[in-house]
Amino acid sequence: MEKFKKLNLSEELLDAIRQAGFESPSEIQEKTIPLVLSGKDVIGSSETGSGKTLAFGAGIIDRVSPGAGIQALILTPTRELAEQVGQTISKFSHKKRIKVTQVYGGVSMDPQIRAIRQADIVVGTPGRLLDHLKRRTLNLSKVKFLVLDEADRMLDMGFVRDVESIIKSCPSNKQTMLFTATLSKDIEYMAKKYMKNPVHIQA
């Protein structure tokens, strides 16, 4: 746990990490967490299973205030990934009483609308997030952190326009993190257009 302690994370989060059985941070975690905590935009290239959810999640969990509206938005290409990321962040943030809500298609809107009202962090797929924005059941005006997870897959699936609409609904002074296995032209375009001097991390 010594290496985790050196990352300046809160006691509650360190406790949750200890309970999850993690001894020391993975490469992507060690490189990303300090950048997230210091407010930098990040482009991370890493494989699935490298621990990237905690890499971007740790800094977000420690900088979100419970009950102050949606402060973090995490976009994922699929429902499965939204569930996985949402569950991971819930597990690490429960001691801080942060509410994490998952939003994706194929299920009823109503329970999501109720959950969104309470949420501090929202994890979701572009199509359903856009539905909520159009219905005005989702307010992104307080978002401080935006994460595009598996961004290459999201853009390959044809979500470029949707993702851009969602980004434009967030404040311009937010911190943006993008994680991808490959750096395609679409990714470079997104980074250039929507990120501020992003730091590239390879793991």
Protein backbone atom coordinates (compact mmCIF):
# COMPACT_ATOMS: atom_id res chain seq x y z
CA MET A 1 0.00 0.00 0.00
CA GLU A 2 3.00 2.32 0.35
CA LYS A 3 2.93 3.36 -3.31
CA PHE A 4 -0.80 4.12 -3.12
CA LYS A 5 -0.19 6.27 -0.03
CA LYS A 6 2.39 8.32 -1.93
CA LEU A 7 -0.30 9.29 -4.47
CA ASN A 8 -1.95 11.64 -1.93
CA LEU A 9 -5.32 9.91 -1.90
CA SER A 10 -7.81 10.32 0.95
CA GLU A 11 -7.93 7.83 3.84
CA GLU A 12 -11.45 6.72 2.82
CA LEU A 13 -10.27 5.88 -0.68
CA LEU A 14 -7.10 4.14 0.56
CA ASP A 15 -9.33 2.07 2.86
CA ALA A 16 -11.54 1.03 -0.04
CA ILE A 17 -8.46 0.14 -2.14
CA ARG A 18 -7.08 -1.92 0.76
CA GLN A 19 -10.41 -3.74 1.14
CA ALA A 20 -10.43 -4.53 -2.57
CA GLY A 21 -7.14 -6.33 -2.00
CA PHE A 22 -4.87 -4.08 -4.05
CA GLU A 23 -1.26 -3.94 -2.85
CA SER A 24 0.28 -1.46 -5.24
CA PRO A 25 -0.90 0.65 -8.21
CA SER A 26 -0.65 -0.59 -11.80
CA GLU A 27 1.51 1.39 -14.24
CA ILE A 28 -1.43 3.37 -15.66
CA GLN A 29 -2.66 4.17 -12.12
CA GLU A 30 0.73 5.36 -10.93
CA LYS A 31 1.11 7.62 -13.96
CA THR A 32 -2.47 8.91 -14.22
CA ILE A 33 -3.64 9.54 -10.63
CA PRO A 34 -1.19 12.43 -9.92
CA LEU A 35 -2.13 14.10 -13.24
CA VAL A 36 -5.86 13.83 -12.51
CA LEU A 37 -5.35 15.25 -9.00
CA SER A 38 -3.35 18.16 -10.41
CA GLY A 39 -6.12 19.04 -12.90
CA LYS A 40 -4.40 18.05 -16.15
CA ASP A 41 -6.17 16.75 -19.26
CA VAL A 42 -4.98 13.21 -19.99
CA ILE A 43 -4.86 10.90 -23.00
CA GLY A 44 -4.14 7.38 -21.79
CA SER A 45 -3.28 4.46 -24.05
CA SER A 46 -3.81 1.22 -22.19
CA GLU A 47 -5.26 -2.22 -22.65
CA THR A 48 -8.51 -3.34 -21.02
CA GLY A 49 -7.79 -4.85 -17.62
CA SER A 50 -4.89 -2.51 -16.84
CA GLY A 51 -6.81 -0.88 -13.99
CA LYS A 52 -7.67 2.30 -15.86
CA THR A 53 -11.05 2.74 -14.13
CA LEU A 54 -9.28 3.36 -10.83
CA ALA A 55 -6.60 5.37 -12.70
CA PHE A 56 -9.14 8.05 -13.68
CA GLY A 57 -11.66 7.23 -10.93
CA ALA A 58 -9.41 7.79 -7.90
CA GLY A 59 -8.76 11.46 -8.61
CA ILE A 60 -12.43 12.04 -9.45
CA ILE A 61 -13.69 10.31 -6.29
CA ASP A 62 -11.41 12.49 -4.16
CA ARG A 63 -12.51 15.73 -5.82
CA VAL A 64 -16.28 15.25 -6.04
CA SER A 65 -18.50 16.60 -3.23
CA PRO A 66 -21.53 14.45 -2.34
CA GLY A 67 -24.86 16.11 -3.08
CA ALA A 68 -23.56 18.98 -5.21
CA GLY A 69 -25.06 17.86 -8.53
CA ILE A 70 -23.46 15.83 -11.33
CA GLN A 71 -19.76 16.69 -11.21
CA ALA A 72 -18.32 13.83 -13.26
CA LEU A 73 -19.52 12.25 -16.50
CA ILE A 74 -17.97 9.05 -17.85
CA LEU A 75 -18.87 7.98 -21.39
CA THR A 76 -18.52 4.34 -22.43
CA PRO A 77 -19.29 2.67 -25.77
CA THR A 78 -21.46 -0.16 -24.37
CA ARG A 79 -23.94 -0.95 -21.63
CA GLU A 80 -21.64 -3.72 -20.31
CA LEU A 81 -18.76 -1.31 -19.89
CA ALA A 82 -21.03 1.33 -18.29
CA GLU A 83 -22.12 -1.27 -15.71
CA GLN A 84 -18.56 -2.41 -15.08
CA VAL A 85 -17.14 1.12 -14.69
CA GLY A 86 -20.14 2.24 -12.61
CA GLN A 87 -19.80 -0.71 -10.23
CA THR A 88 -16.03 -0.20 -9.85
CA ILE A 89 -16.41 3.50 -9.04
CA SER A 90 -19.27 2.76 -6.60
CA LYS A 91 -17.10 0.21 -4.83
CA PHE A 92 -14.24 2.67 -4.32
CA SER A 93 -16.39 5.70 -3.47
CA HIS A 94 -18.96 4.25 -1.04
CA LYS A 95 -17.07 5.45 2.06
CA LYS A 96 -17.31 9.00 0.76
CA ARG A 97 -21.09 8.64 0.25
CA ILE A 98 -20.83 9.53 -3.42
CA LYS A 99 -23.78 8.45 -5.57
CA VAL A 100 -22.90 6.83 -8.90
CA THR A 101 -25.62 6.27 -11.52
CA GLN A 102 -25.44 4.19 -14.70
CA VAL A 103 -27.39 5.37 -17.74
CA TYR A 104 -27.84 3.23 -20.88
CA GLY A 105 -30.45 2.18 -23.39
CA GLY A 106 -32.61 -0.94 -23.45
CA VAL A 107 -34.15 -0.23 -20.04
CA SER A 108 -36.88 2.10 -18.77
CA MET A 109 -36.12 5.83 -18.54
CA ASP A 110 -38.05 6.51 -15.32
CA PRO A 111 -35.78 4.81 -12.77
CA GLN A 112 -32.82 6.49 -14.49
CA ILE A 113 -34.46 9.92 -14.24
CA ARG A 114 -34.99 9.40 -10.50
CA ALA A 115 -31.41 8.18 -10.00
CA ILE A 116 -29.93 11.05 -12.03
CA ARG A 117 -31.53 13.57 -9.63
CA GLN A 118 -29.44 12.15 -6.76
CA ALA A 119 -26.25 11.46 -8.72
CA ASP A 120 -22.78 12.93 -8.18
CA ILE A 121 -21.17 10.79 -10.93
CA VAL A 122 -22.93 9.51 -14.06
CA VAL A 123 -21.57 6.68 -16.21
CA GLY A 124 -23.37 6.11 -19.49
CA THR A 125 -23.57 5.39 -23.20
CA PRO A 126 -23.80 8.31 -25.66
CA GLY A 127 -27.22 7.49 -27.16
CA ARG A 128 -29.11 7.29 -23.87
CA LEU A 129 -27.27 10.28 -22.36
CA LEU A 130 -28.34 12.31 -25.39
CA ASP A 131 -31.97 11.16 -24.90
CA HIS A 132 -31.84 12.49 -21.34
CA LEU A 133 -30.28 15.77 -22.48
CA LYS A 134 -33.04 16.24 -25.08
CA ARG A 135 -35.71 15.57 -22.45
CA ARG A 136 -33.91 17.91 -20.04
CA THR A 137 -33.74 15.16 -17.42
CA LEU A 138 -29.94 15.48 -17.30
CA ASN A 139 -28.13 18.67 -16.29
CA LEU A 140 -24.40 18.77 -17.04
CA SER A 141 -23.80 22.40 -16.04
CA LYS A 142 -21.78 21.40 -12.94
CA VAL A 143 -19.56 18.81 -14.63
CA LYS A 144 -15.90 19.24 -13.63
CA PHE A 145 -14.63 15.93 -15.01
CA LEU A 146 -15.38 14.31 -18.35
CA VAL A 147 -13.98 10.87 -19.20
CA LEU A 148 -14.21 9.19 -22.60
CA ASP A 149 -13.49 5.53 -21.85
CA GLU A 150 -12.52 3.20 -24.71
CA ALA A 151 -12.90 6.27 -26.91
CA ASP A 152 -11.62 4.47 -30.03
CA ARG A 153 -14.43 1.90 -29.79
CA MET A 154 -16.99 4.63 -29.14
CA LEU A 155 -15.96 6.57 -32.26
CA ASP A 156 -15.68 3.38 -34.38
CA MET A 157 -19.29 2.61 -33.45
CA GLY A 158 -20.35 5.91 -35.04
CA PHE A 159 -20.89 7.98 -31.91
CA VAL A 160 -18.70 10.94 -32.95
CA ARG A 161 -21.62 13.40 -33.32
CA ASP A 162 -23.33 12.19 -30.15
CA VAL A 163 -20.12 12.51 -28.16
CA GLU A 164 -19.55 16.02 -29.50
CA SER A 165 -23.09 17.08 -28.54
CA ILE A 166 -22.54 15.76 -25.01
CA ILE A 167 -19.15 17.50 -24.68
CA LYS A 168 -20.76 20.78 -25.76
CA SER A 169 -23.39 20.39 -23.02
CA CYS A 170 -20.63 20.39 -20.37
CA PRO A 171 -18.86 23.53 -19.09
CA SER A 172 -15.78 24.50 -21.11
CA ASN A 173 -13.53 24.71 -18.04
CA LYS A 174 -13.85 20.99 -17.18
CA GLN A 175 -10.98 18.50 -16.98
CA THR A 176 -11.10 15.96 -19.83
CA MET A 177 -9.63 12.46 -19.85
CA LEU A 178 -9.62 10.17 -22.84
CA PHE A 179 -8.65 6.50 -22.75
CA THR A 180 -8.05 4.50 -25.90
CA ALA A 181 -6.20 1.42 -27.12
CA THR A 182 -5.27 3.13 -30.40
CA LEU A 183 -4.64 6.74 -31.45
CA SER A 184 -6.77 7.14 -34.59
CA LYS A 185 -7.43 10.30 -36.63
CA ASP A 186 -10.81 10.68 -34.90
CA ILE A 187 -9.11 10.55 -31.49
CA GLU A 188 -6.56 13.16 -32.56
CA TYR A 189 -9.36 15.37 -33.86
CA MET A 190 -11.26 15.10 -30.55
CA ALA A 191 -8.12 15.78 -28.53
CA LYS A 192 -7.22 18.82 -30.58
CA LYS A 193 -10.71 20.26 -30.50
CA TYR A 194 -11.77 19.57 -26.92
CA MET A 195 -8.69 19.11 -24.75
CA LYS A 196 -6.24 21.58 -23.17
CA ASN A 197 -2.57 20.55 -23.58
CA PRO A 198 -3.31 16.92 -22.77
CA VAL A 199 -0.55 14.79 -21.26
CA HIS A 200 -0.06 11.50 -23.13
CA ILE A 201 0.37 8.38 -21.03
CA GLN A 202 1.40 5.01 -22.41
CA ALA A 203 1.08 1.91 -20.24
